[in-house]
Amino acid sequence: KSGTDIMEAPNSGDDQDPNQRPNKKKRYHRHTQHQIQEM
């Protein structure tokens, strides 16, 4: 839905507590104007 915002996936593997449900809160990365222009 977005060409400028990149959402980072939640961590997985050893760092995640197996008894705890995955964190549903999503983190976003907004590209800078320079990055967008270059791409």
PDB file of all heavy atoms in Angstrom:
ATOM      1  N   LYS A   1       0.811  -1.219   0.000  1.00  0.00           N
ATOM      2  CA  LYS A   1       0.000   0.000   0.000  1.00  0.00           C
ATOM      3  C   LYS A   1       0.842   1.266   0.000  1.00  0.00           C
ATOM      4  O   LYS A   1       0.313   2.348  -0.122  1.00  0.00           O
ATOM      5  CB  LYS A   1      -0.915   0.010   1.235  1.00  0.00           C
ATOM      6  CG  LYS A   1      -1.885  -1.171   1.268  1.00  0.00           C
ATOM      7  CD  LYS A   1      -2.712  -1.159   2.521  1.00  0.00           C
ATOM      8  CE  LYS A   1      -3.655  -2.356   2.597  1.00  0.00           C
ATOM      9  NZ  LYS A   1      -4.443  -2.391   3.830  1.00  0.00           N
ATOM     10  N   SER A   2       2.129   1.138   0.153  1.00  0.00           N
ATOM     11  CA  SER A   2       2.961   2.326   0.258  1.00  0.00           C
ATOM     12  C   SER A   2       4.247   2.125  -0.510  1.00  0.00           C
ATOM     13  O   SER A   2       4.850   1.068  -0.445  1.00  0.00           O
ATOM     14  CB  SER A   2       3.273   2.625   1.737  1.00  0.00           C
ATOM     15  OG  SER A   2       4.225   3.649   1.824  1.00  0.00           O
ATOM     16  N   GLY A   3       4.675   3.147  -1.229  1.00  0.00           N
ATOM     17  CA  GLY A   3       5.937   3.059  -1.945  1.00  0.00           C
ATOM     18  C   GLY A   3       7.073   3.698  -1.185  1.00  0.00           C
ATOM     19  O   GLY A   3       8.213   3.649  -1.600  1.00  0.00           O
ATOM     20  N   THR A   4       6.801   4.365  -0.032  1.00  0.00           N
ATOM     21  CA  THR A   4       7.860   5.074   0.683  1.00  0.00           C
ATOM     22  C   THR A   4       8.096   4.529   2.077  1.00  0.00           C
ATOM     23  O   THR A   4       9.156   4.721   2.642  1.00  0.00           O
ATOM     24  CB  THR A   4       7.520   6.564   0.788  1.00  0.00           C
ATOM     25  OG1 THR A   4       6.266   6.719   1.463  1.00  0.00           O
ATOM     26  CG2 THR A   4       7.392   7.184  -0.595  1.00  0.00           C
ATOM     27  N   ASP A   5       7.115   3.846   2.673  1.00  0.00           N
ATOM     28  CA  ASP A   5       7.256   3.328   4.030  1.00  0.00           C
ATOM     29  C   ASP A   5       7.613   1.863   3.991  1.00  0.00           C
ATOM     30  O   ASP A   5       6.971   1.092   3.292  1.00  0.00           O
ATOM     31  CB  ASP A   5       5.957   3.500   4.824  1.00  0.00           C
ATOM     32  CG  ASP A   5       5.647   4.963   5.022  1.00  0.00           C
ATOM     33  OD1 ASP A   5       6.588   5.768   4.968  1.00  0.00           O
ATOM     34  OD2 ASP A   5       4.466   5.273   5.236  1.00  0.00           O
ATOM     35  N   ILE A   6       8.619   1.444   4.726  1.00  0.00           N
ATOM     36  CA  ILE A   6       9.010   0.044   4.822  1.00  0.00           C
ATOM     37  C   ILE A   6       8.784  -0.439   6.245  1.00  0.00           C
ATOM     38  O   ILE A   6       9.269   0.154   7.205  1.00  0.00           O
ATOM     39  CB  ILE A   6      10.493  -0.152   4.451  1.00  0.00           C
ATOM     40  CG1 ILE A   6      10.673   0.120   2.970  1.00  0.00           C
ATOM     41  CG2 ILE A   6      10.971  -1.556   4.776  1.00  0.00           C
ATOM     42  CD1 ILE A   6       9.937  -0.883   2.098  1.00  0.00           C
ATOM     43  N   MET A   7       8.021  -1.512   6.397  1.00  0.00           N
ATOM     44  CA  MET A   7       7.696  -2.054   7.705  1.00  0.00           C
ATOM     45  C   MET A   7       8.674  -3.162   8.029  1.00  0.00           C
ATOM     46  O   MET A   7       8.903  -4.047   7.212  1.00  0.00           O
ATOM     47  CB  MET A   7       6.272  -2.586   7.665  1.00  0.00           C
ATOM     48  CG  MET A   7       5.820  -3.232   8.951  1.00  0.00           C
ATOM     49  SD  MET A   7       4.186  -3.885   8.712  1.00  0.00           S
ATOM     50  CE  MET A   7       4.498  -5.033   7.420  1.00  0.00           C
ATOM     51  N   GLU A   8       9.263  -3.149   9.181  1.00  0.00           N
ATOM     52  CA  GLU A   8      10.216  -4.163   9.577  1.00  0.00           C
ATOM     53  C   GLU A   8       9.491  -5.302  10.262  1.00  0.00           C
ATOM     54  O   GLU A   8       8.646  -5.103  11.127  1.00  0.00           O
ATOM     55  CB  GLU A   8      11.266  -3.564  10.508  1.00  0.00           C
ATOM     56  CG  GLU A   8      12.092  -2.448   9.821  1.00  0.00           C
ATOM     57  CD  GLU A   8      13.153  -1.901  10.734  1.00  0.00           C
ATOM     58  OE1 GLU A   8      13.203  -2.349  11.892  1.00  0.00           O
ATOM     59  OE2 GLU A   8      13.914  -1.028  10.294  1.00  0.00           O
ATOM     60  N   ALA A   9       9.858  -6.535   9.885  1.00  0.00           N
ATOM     61  CA  ALA A   9       9.213  -7.721  10.441  1.00  0.00           C
ATOM     62  C   ALA A   9       9.644  -7.927  11.879  1.00  0.00           C
ATOM     63  O   ALA A   9      10.731  -7.534  12.298  1.00  0.00           O
ATOM     64  CB  ALA A   9       9.580  -8.930   9.604  1.00  0.00           C
ATOM     65  N   PRO A  10       8.800  -8.540  12.723  1.00  0.00           N
ATOM     66  CA  PRO A  10       9.176  -8.796  14.115  1.00  0.00           C
ATOM     67  C   PRO A  10      10.321  -9.785  14.198  1.00  0.00           C
ATOM     68  O   PRO A  10      10.529 -10.595  13.304  1.00  0.00           O
ATOM     69  CB  PRO A  10       7.886  -9.377  14.715  1.00  0.00           C
ATOM     70  CG  PRO A  10       7.140  -9.917  13.549  1.00  0.00           C
ATOM     71  CD  PRO A  10       7.466  -9.032  12.413  1.00  0.00           C
ATOM     72  N   ASN A  11      11.049  -9.702  15.275  1.00  0.00           N
ATOM     73  CA  ASN A  11      12.168 -10.613  15.468  1.00  0.00           C
ATOM     74  C   ASN A  11      11.659 -12.028  15.680  1.00  0.00           C
ATOM     75  O   ASN A  11      10.575 -12.271  16.186  1.00  0.00           O
ATOM     76  CB  ASN A  11      13.006 -10.210  16.689  1.00  0.00           C
ATOM     77  CG  ASN A  11      13.699  -8.879  16.466  1.00  0.00           C
ATOM     78  OD1 ASN A  11      14.035  -8.559  15.333  1.00  0.00           O
ATOM     79  ND2 ASN A  11      13.895  -8.120  17.538  1.00  0.00           N
ATOM     80  N   SER A  12      12.463 -12.984  15.298  1.00  0.00           N
ATOM     81  CA  SER A  12      12.125 -14.387  15.503  1.00  0.00           C
ATOM     82  C   SER A  12      13.387 -15.146  15.811  1.00  0.00           C
ATOM     83  O   SER A  12      14.497 -14.677  15.623  1.00  0.00           O
ATOM     84  CB  SER A  12      11.438 -14.946  14.260  1.00  0.00           C
ATOM     85  OG  SER A  12      12.314 -14.868  13.176  1.00  0.00           O
ATOM     86  N   GLY A  13      13.267 -16.361  16.267  1.00  0.00           N
ATOM     87  CA  GLY A  13      14.435 -17.180  16.549  1.00  0.00           C
ATOM     88  C   GLY A  13      14.698 -17.261  18.036  1.00  0.00           C
ATOM     89  O   GLY A  13      13.806 -17.259  18.876  1.00  0.00           O
ATOM     90  N   ASP A  14      15.990 -17.297  18.384  1.00  0.00           N
ATOM     91  CA  ASP A  14      16.380 -17.517  19.784  1.00  0.00           C
ATOM     92  C   ASP A  14      16.037 -16.338  20.671  1.00  0.00           C
ATOM     93  O   ASP A  14      15.830 -16.488  21.875  1.00  0.00           O
ATOM     94  CB  ASP A  14      17.887 -17.781  19.857  1.00  0.00           C
ATOM     95  CG  ASP A  14      18.257 -19.066  19.119  1.00  0.00           C
ATOM     96  OD1 ASP A  14      17.365 -19.912  18.951  1.00  0.00           O
ATOM     97  OD2 ASP A  14      19.424 -19.196  18.697  1.00  0.00           O
ATOM     98  N   ASP A  15      16.008 -15.133  20.113  1.00  0.00           N
ATOM     99  CA  ASP A  15      15.748 -13.947  20.935  1.00  0.00           C
ATOM    100  C   ASP A  15      14.304 -13.858  21.372  1.00  0.00           C
ATOM    101  O   ASP A  15      13.962 -13.035  22.206  1.00  0.00           O
ATOM    102  CB  ASP A  15      16.124 -12.677  20.166  1.00  0.00           C
ATOM    103  CG  ASP A  15      17.622 -12.648  19.882  1.00  0.00           C
ATOM    104  OD1 ASP A  15      18.370 -13.303  20.634  1.00  0.00           O
ATOM    105  OD2 ASP A  15      18.005 -11.981  18.900  1.00  0.00           O
ATOM    106  N   GLN A  16      13.429 -14.644  20.849  1.00  0.00           N
ATOM    107  CA  GLN A  16      12.000 -14.525  21.154  1.00  0.00           C
ATOM    108  C   GLN A  16      11.605 -15.597  22.155  1.00  0.00           C
ATOM    109  O   GLN A  16      11.998 -16.753  22.041  1.00  0.00           O
ATOM    110  CB  GLN A  16      11.171 -14.664  19.871  1.00  0.00           C
ATOM    111  CG  GLN A  16       9.699 -14.449  20.101  1.00  0.00           C
ATOM    112  CD  GLN A  16       8.935 -14.484  18.797  1.00  0.00           C
ATOM    113  OE1 GLN A  16       9.541 -14.465  17.760  1.00  0.00           O
ATOM    114  NE2 GLN A  16       7.630 -14.539  18.877  1.00  0.00           N
ATOM    115  N   ASP A  17      10.862 -15.175  23.161  1.00  0.00           N
ATOM    116  CA  ASP A  17      10.360 -16.109  24.172  1.00  0.00           C
ATOM    117  C   ASP A  17       9.337 -17.026  23.536  1.00  0.00           C
ATOM    118  O   ASP A  17       8.324 -16.562  23.033  1.00  0.00           O
ATOM    119  CB  ASP A  17       9.728 -15.320  25.328  1.00  0.00           C
ATOM    120  CG  ASP A  17       9.356 -16.254  26.481  1.00  0.00           C
ATOM    121  OD1 ASP A  17       9.473 -17.490  26.310  1.00  0.00           O
ATOM    122  OD2 ASP A  17       8.951 -15.729  27.534  1.00  0.00           O
ATOM    123  N   PRO A  18       9.561 -18.366  23.581  1.00  0.00           N
ATOM    124  CA  PRO A  18       8.596 -19.273  22.936  1.00  0.00           C
ATOM    125  C   PRO A  18       7.239 -19.279  23.598  1.00  0.00           C
ATOM    126  O   PRO A  18       6.253 -19.659  22.990  1.00  0.00           O
ATOM    127  CB  PRO A  18       9.289 -20.643  23.046  1.00  0.00           C
ATOM    128  CG  PRO A  18      10.246 -20.506  24.172  1.00  0.00           C
ATOM    129  CD  PRO A  18      10.698 -19.089  24.189  1.00  0.00           C
ATOM    130  N   ASN A  19       7.172 -18.873  24.892  1.00  0.00           N
ATOM    131  CA  ASN A  19       5.887 -18.868  25.599  1.00  0.00           C
ATOM    132  C   ASN A  19       5.129 -17.559  25.426  1.00  0.00           C
ATOM    133  O   ASN A  19       4.032 -17.393  25.941  1.00  0.00           O
ATOM    134  CB  ASN A  19       6.116 -19.124  27.099  1.00  0.00           C
ATOM    135  CG  ASN A  19       6.752 -20.501  27.331  1.00  0.00           C
ATOM    136  OD1 ASN A  19       6.424 -21.457  26.617  1.00  0.00           O
ATOM    137  ND2 ASN A  19       7.662 -20.588  28.308  1.00  0.00           N
ATOM    138  N   GLN A  20       5.782 -16.611  24.788  1.00  0.00           N
ATOM    139  CA  GLN A  20       5.147 -15.303  24.633  1.00  0.00           C
ATOM    140  C   GLN A  20       4.650 -15.122  23.211  1.00  0.00           C
ATOM    141  O   GLN A  20       5.332 -15.472  22.256  1.00  0.00           O
ATOM    142  CB  GLN A  20       6.159 -14.197  24.941  1.00  0.00           C
ATOM    143  CG  GLN A  20       5.562 -12.778  24.865  1.00  0.00           C
ATOM    144  CD  GLN A  20       6.594 -11.744  25.184  1.00  0.00           C
ATOM    145  OE1 GLN A  20       7.707 -12.092  25.525  1.00  0.00           O
ATOM    146  NE2 GLN A  20       6.222 -10.487  25.076  1.00  0.00           N
ATOM    147  N   ARG A  21       3.436 -14.633  23.044  1.00  0.00           N
ATOM    148  CA  ARG A  21       2.877 -14.411  21.708  1.00  0.00           C
ATOM    149  C   ARG A  21       3.705 -13.346  20.979  1.00  0.00           C
ATOM    150  O   ARG A  21       4.209 -12.430  21.596  1.00  0.00           O
ATOM    151  CB  ARG A  21       1.416 -13.940  21.801  1.00  0.00           C
ATOM    152  CG  ARG A  21       0.482 -15.009  22.304  1.00  0.00           C
ATOM    153  CD  ARG A  21      -0.940 -14.493  22.373  1.00  0.00           C
ATOM    154  NE  ARG A  21      -1.391 -14.036  21.063  1.00  0.00           N
ATOM    155  CZ  ARG A  21      -1.886 -14.869  20.138  1.00  0.00           C
ATOM    156  NH1 ARG A  21      -1.973 -16.164  20.368  1.00  0.00           N
ATOM    157  NH2 ARG A  21      -2.286 -14.385  18.975  1.00  0.00           N
ATOM    158  N   PRO A  22       3.850 -13.493  19.706  1.00  0.00           N
ATOM    159  CA  PRO A  22       4.637 -12.497  18.956  1.00  0.00           C
ATOM    160  C   PRO A  22       4.068 -11.095  19.126  1.00  0.00           C
ATOM    161  O   PRO A  22       2.869 -10.914  19.230  1.00  0.00           O
ATOM    162  CB  PRO A  22       4.499 -12.967  17.508  1.00  0.00           C
ATOM    163  CG  PRO A  22       4.086 -14.403  17.614  1.00  0.00           C
ATOM    164  CD  PRO A  22       3.308 -14.528  18.885  1.00  0.00           C
ATOM    165  N   ASN A  23       4.986 -10.161  19.141  1.00  0.00           N
ATOM    166  CA  ASN A  23       4.590  -8.766  19.266  1.00  0.00           C
ATOM    167  C   ASN A  23       3.890  -8.311  17.990  1.00  0.00           C
ATOM    168  O   ASN A  23       4.462  -8.336  16.913  1.00  0.00           O
ATOM    169  CB  ASN A  23       5.836  -7.909  19.511  1.00  0.00           C
ATOM    170  CG  ASN A  23       5.462  -6.467  19.761  1.00  0.00           C
ATOM    171  OD1 ASN A  23       4.283  -6.152  19.917  1.00  0.00           O
ATOM    172  ND2 ASN A  23       6.471  -5.607  19.815  1.00  0.00           N
ATOM    173  N   LYS A  24       2.635  -7.932  18.104  1.00  0.00           N
ATOM    174  CA  LYS A  24       1.843  -7.532  16.947  1.00  0.00           C
ATOM    175  C   LYS A  24       2.127  -6.102  16.524  1.00  0.00           C
ATOM    176  O   LYS A  24       1.723  -5.685  15.458  1.00  0.00           O
ATOM    177  CB  LYS A  24       0.346  -7.679  17.228  1.00  0.00           C
ATOM    178  CG  LYS A  24      -0.075  -9.088  17.496  1.00  0.00           C
ATOM    179  CD  LYS A  24       0.115  -9.955  16.262  1.00  0.00           C
ATOM    180  CE  LYS A  24      -0.352 -11.361  16.507  1.00  0.00           C
ATOM    181  NZ  LYS A  24      -0.195 -12.199  15.298  1.00  0.00           N
ATOM    182  N   LYS A  25       2.805  -5.347  17.380  1.00  0.00           N
ATOM    183  CA  LYS A  25       3.069  -3.959  17.032  1.00  0.00           C
ATOM    184  C   LYS A  25       4.140  -3.894  15.951  1.00  0.00           C
ATOM    185  O   LYS A  25       5.200  -4.477  16.087  1.00  0.00           O
ATOM    186  CB  LYS A  25       3.543  -3.187  18.267  1.00  0.00           C
ATOM    187  CG  LYS A  25       3.722  -1.684  17.999  1.00  0.00           C
ATOM    188  CD  LYS A  25       4.082  -0.954  19.270  1.00  0.00           C
ATOM    189  CE  LYS A  25       4.232   0.539  19.011  1.00  0.00           C
ATOM    190  NZ  LYS A  25       4.593   1.269  20.227  1.00  0.00           N
ATOM    191  N   LYS A  26       3.856  -3.227  14.911  1.00  0.00           N
ATOM    192  CA  LYS A  26       4.752  -3.175  13.769  1.00  0.00           C
ATOM    193  C   LYS A  26       5.547  -1.879  13.807  1.00  0.00           C
ATOM    194  O   LYS A  26       5.030  -0.831  14.141  1.00  0.00           O
ATOM    195  CB  LYS A  26       3.954  -3.277  12.464  1.00  0.00           C
ATOM    196  CG  LYS A  26       3.123  -4.537  12.384  1.00  0.00           C
ATOM    197  CD  LYS A  26       2.273  -4.536  11.135  1.00  0.00           C
ATOM    198  CE  LYS A  26       1.439  -5.810  11.025  1.00  0.00           C
ATOM    199  NZ  LYS A  26       0.502  -5.978  12.143  1.00  0.00           N
ATOM    200  N   ARG A  27       6.812  -2.040  13.426  1.00  0.00           N
ATOM    201  CA  ARG A  27       7.666  -0.852  13.358  1.00  0.00           C
ATOM    202  C   ARG A  27       7.858  -0.456  11.905  1.00  0.00           C
ATOM    203  O   ARG A  27       7.929  -1.301  11.027  1.00  0.00           O
ATOM    204  CB  ARG A  27       9.017  -1.133  14.008  1.00  0.00           C
ATOM    205  CG  ARG A  27       8.921  -1.303  15.531  1.00  0.00           C
ATOM    206  CD  ARG A  27      10.256  -1.679  16.123  1.00  0.00           C
ATOM    207  NE  ARG A  27      10.698  -2.983  15.645  1.00  0.00           N
ATOM    208  CZ  ARG A  27      11.967  -3.333  15.540  1.00  0.00           C
ATOM    209  NH1 ARG A  27      12.914  -2.475  15.859  1.00  0.00           N
ATOM    210  NH2 ARG A  27      12.296  -4.536  15.110  1.00  0.00           N
ATOM    211  N   TYR A  28       7.960   0.824  11.668  1.00  0.00           N
ATOM    212  CA  TYR A  28       8.017   1.332  10.308  1.00  0.00           C
ATOM    213  C   TYR A  28       9.337   2.072  10.088  1.00  0.00           C
ATOM    214  O   TYR A  28       9.916   2.644  11.006  1.00  0.00           O
ATOM    215  CB  TYR A  28       6.847   2.284  10.021  1.00  0.00           C
ATOM    216  CG  TYR A  28       5.503   1.629  10.200  1.00  0.00           C
ATOM    217  CD1 TYR A  28       4.825   1.718  11.411  1.00  0.00           C
ATOM    218  CD2 TYR A  28       4.930   0.899   9.152  1.00  0.00           C
ATOM    219  CE1 TYR A  28       3.606   1.097  11.575  1.00  0.00           C
ATOM    220  CE2 TYR A  28       3.714   0.281   9.312  1.00  0.00           C
ATOM    221  CZ  TYR A  28       3.048   0.379  10.524  1.00  0.00           C
ATOM    222  OH  TYR A  28       1.848  -0.242  10.678  1.00  0.00           O
ATOM    223  N   HIS A  29       9.757   2.023   8.852  1.00  0.00           N
ATOM    224  CA  HIS A  29      10.950   2.772   8.459  1.00  0.00           C
ATOM    225  C   HIS A  29      10.578   3.683   7.294  1.00  0.00           C
ATOM    226  O   HIS A  29      10.214   3.183   6.230  1.00  0.00           O
ATOM    227  CB  HIS A  29      12.067   1.826   8.025  1.00  0.00           C
ATOM    228  CG  HIS A  29      13.258   2.551   7.449  1.00  0.00           C
ATOM    229  ND1 HIS A  29      14.222   3.126   8.235  1.00  0.00           N
ATOM    230  CD2 HIS A  29      13.605   2.790   6.154  1.00  0.00           C
ATOM    231  CE1 HIS A  29      15.129   3.692   7.455  1.00  0.00           C
ATOM    232  NE2 HIS A  29      14.776   3.501   6.184  1.00  0.00           N
ATOM    233  N   ARG A  30      10.644   4.954   7.490  1.00  0.00           N
ATOM    234  CA  ARG A  30      10.307   5.904   6.429  1.00  0.00           C
ATOM    235  C   ARG A  30      11.593   6.313   5.718  1.00  0.00           C
ATOM    236  O   ARG A  30      12.553   6.753   6.349  1.00  0.00           O
ATOM    237  CB  ARG A  30       9.601   7.123   7.003  1.00  0.00           C
ATOM    238  CG  ARG A  30       9.169   8.134   5.926  1.00  0.00           C
ATOM    239  CD  ARG A  30       8.318   9.228   6.512  1.00  0.00           C
ATOM    240  NE  ARG A  30       7.057   8.707   7.017  1.00  0.00           N
ATOM    241  CZ  ARG A  30       5.995   8.477   6.267  1.00  0.00           C
ATOM    242  NH1 ARG A  30       6.054   8.717   4.963  1.00  0.00           N
ATOM    243  NH2 ARG A  30       4.889   7.998   6.789  1.00  0.00           N
ATOM    244  N   HIS A  31      11.593   6.156   4.386  1.00  0.00           N
ATOM    245  CA  HIS A  31      12.775   6.503   3.607  1.00  0.00           C
ATOM    246  C   HIS A  31      12.962   8.007   3.565  1.00  0.00           C
ATOM    247  O   HIS A  31      11.994   8.778   3.583  1.00  0.00           O
ATOM    248  CB  HIS A  31      12.632   5.982   2.172  1.00  0.00           C
ATOM    249  CG  HIS A  31      12.561   4.491   2.096  1.00  0.00           C
ATOM    250  ND1 HIS A  31      13.400   3.666   2.794  1.00  0.00           N
ATOM    251  CD2 HIS A  31      11.726   3.674   1.383  1.00  0.00           C
ATOM    252  CE1 HIS A  31      13.109   2.406   2.522  1.00  0.00           C
ATOM    253  NE2 HIS A  31      12.077   2.390   1.682  1.00  0.00           N
ATOM    254  N   THR A  32      14.209   8.402   3.449  1.00  0.00           N
ATOM    255  CA  THR A  32      14.509   9.822   3.274  1.00  0.00           C
ATOM    256  C   THR A  32      14.214  10.228   1.838  1.00  0.00           C
ATOM    257  O   THR A  32      14.090   9.387   0.940  1.00  0.00           O
ATOM    258  CB  THR A  32      15.984  10.104   3.589  1.00  0.00           C
ATOM    259  OG1 THR A  32      16.799   9.426   2.619  1.00  0.00           O
ATOM    260  CG2 THR A  32      16.344   9.624   4.986  1.00  0.00           C
ATOM    261  N   GLN A  33      14.120  11.541   1.631  1.00  0.00           N
ATOM    262  CA  GLN A  33      13.852  12.034   0.282  1.00  0.00           C
ATOM    263  C   GLN A  33      14.967  11.645  -0.678  1.00  0.00           C
ATOM    264  O   GLN A  33      14.733  11.328  -1.848  1.00  0.00           O
ATOM    265  CB  GLN A  33      13.693  13.571   0.323  1.00  0.00           C
ATOM    266  CG  GLN A  33      13.129  14.163  -0.972  1.00  0.00           C
ATOM    267  CD  GLN A  33      11.706  13.710  -1.233  1.00  0.00           C
ATOM    268  OE1 GLN A  33      10.964  13.406  -0.310  1.00  0.00           O
ATOM    269  NE2 GLN A  33      11.334  13.645  -2.507  1.00  0.00           N
ATOM    270  N   HIS A  34      16.191  11.651  -0.198  1.00  0.00           N
ATOM    271  CA  HIS A  34      17.333  11.275  -1.041  1.00  0.00           C
ATOM    272  C   HIS A  34      17.238   9.807  -1.442  1.00  0.00           C
ATOM    273  O   HIS A  34      17.481   9.460  -2.619  1.00  0.00           O
ATOM    274  CB  HIS A  34      18.636  11.521  -0.276  1.00  0.00           C
ATOM    275  CG  HIS A  34      19.848  10.973  -0.982  1.00  0.00           C
ATOM    276  ND1 HIS A  34      20.320  11.521  -2.149  1.00  0.00           N
ATOM    277  CD2 HIS A  34      20.654   9.899  -0.676  1.00  0.00           C
ATOM    278  CE1 HIS A  34      21.384  10.825  -2.539  1.00  0.00           C
ATOM    279  NE2 HIS A  34      21.595   9.844  -1.666  1.00  0.00           N
ATOM    280  N   GLN A  35      16.889   8.950  -0.500  1.00  0.00           N
ATOM    281  CA  GLN A  35      16.765   7.531  -0.822  1.00  0.00           C
ATOM    282  C   GLN A  35      15.669   7.299  -1.866  1.00  0.00           C
ATOM    283  O   GLN A  35      15.840   6.516  -2.805  1.00  0.00           O
ATOM    284  CB  GLN A  35      16.462   6.741   0.452  1.00  0.00           C
ATOM    285  CG  GLN A  35      17.625   6.674   1.429  1.00  0.00           C
ATOM    286  CD  GLN A  35      17.231   6.043   2.758  1.00  0.00           C
ATOM    287  OE1 GLN A  35      16.054   6.098   3.139  1.00  0.00           O
ATOM    288  NE2 GLN A  35      18.198   5.476   3.462  1.00  0.00           N
ATOM    289  N   ILE A  36      14.566   7.982  -1.694  1.00  0.00           N
ATOM    290  CA  ILE A  36      13.452   7.824  -2.644  1.00  0.00           C
ATOM    291  C   ILE A  36      13.860   8.297  -4.034  1.00  0.00           C
ATOM    292  O   ILE A  36      13.592   7.637  -5.044  1.00  0.00           O
ATOM    293  CB  ILE A  36      12.215   8.592  -2.146  1.00  0.00           C
ATOM    294  CG1 ILE A  36      11.698   7.975  -0.834  1.00  0.00           C
ATOM    295  CG2 ILE A  36      11.112   8.580  -3.204  1.00  0.00           C
ATOM    296  CD1 ILE A  36      10.583   8.769  -0.192  1.00  0.00           C
ATOM    297  N   GLN A  37      14.524   9.470  -4.098  1.00  0.00           N
ATOM    298  CA  GLN A  37      14.937   9.992  -5.397  1.00  0.00           C
ATOM    299  C   GLN A  37      15.910   9.053  -6.100  1.00  0.00           C
ATOM    300  O   GLN A  37      15.821   8.824  -7.315  1.00  0.00           O
ATOM    301  CB  GLN A  37      15.570  11.378  -5.226  1.00  0.00           C
ATOM    302  CG  GLN A  37      14.568  12.460  -4.829  1.00  0.00           C
ATOM    303  CD  GLN A  37      15.251  13.794  -4.571  1.00  0.00           C
ATOM    304  OE1 GLN A  37      16.481  13.876  -4.525  1.00  0.00           O
ATOM    305  NE2 GLN A  37      14.456  14.847  -4.378  1.00  0.00           N
ATOM    306  N   GLU A  38      16.839   8.498  -5.326  1.00  0.00           N
ATOM    307  CA  GLU A  38      17.812   7.582  -5.923  1.00  0.00           C
ATOM    308  C   GLU A  38      17.135   6.323  -6.448  1.00  0.00           C
ATOM    309  O   GLU A  38      17.432   5.846  -7.549  1.00  0.00           O
ATOM    310  CB  GLU A  38      18.886   7.213  -4.886  1.00  0.00           C
ATOM    311  CG  GLU A  38      19.861   8.323  -4.572  1.00  0.00           C
ATOM    312  CD  GLU A  38      20.760   8.625  -5.759  1.00  0.00           C
ATOM    313  OE1 GLU A  38      21.218   7.686  -6.418  1.00  0.00           O
ATOM    314  OE2 GLU A  38      20.981   9.819  -6.035  1.00  0.00           O
ATOM    315  N   MET A  39      16.215   5.768  -5.664  1.00  0.00           N
ATOM    316  CA  MET A  39      15.539   4.544  -6.105  1.00  0.00           C
ATOM    317  C   MET A  39      14.580   4.824  -7.255  1.00  0.00           C
ATOM    318  O   MET A  39      14.407   3.983  -8.146  1.00  0.00           O
ATOM    319  CB  MET A  39      14.818   3.896  -4.914  1.00  0.00           C
ATOM    320  CG  MET A  39      15.779   3.238  -3.928  1.00  0.00           C
ATOM    321  SD  MET A  39      14.980   2.206  -2.671  1.00  0.00           S
ATOM    322  CE  MET A  39      14.220   3.449  -1.652  1.00  0.00           C
TER     323      MET A  39
END
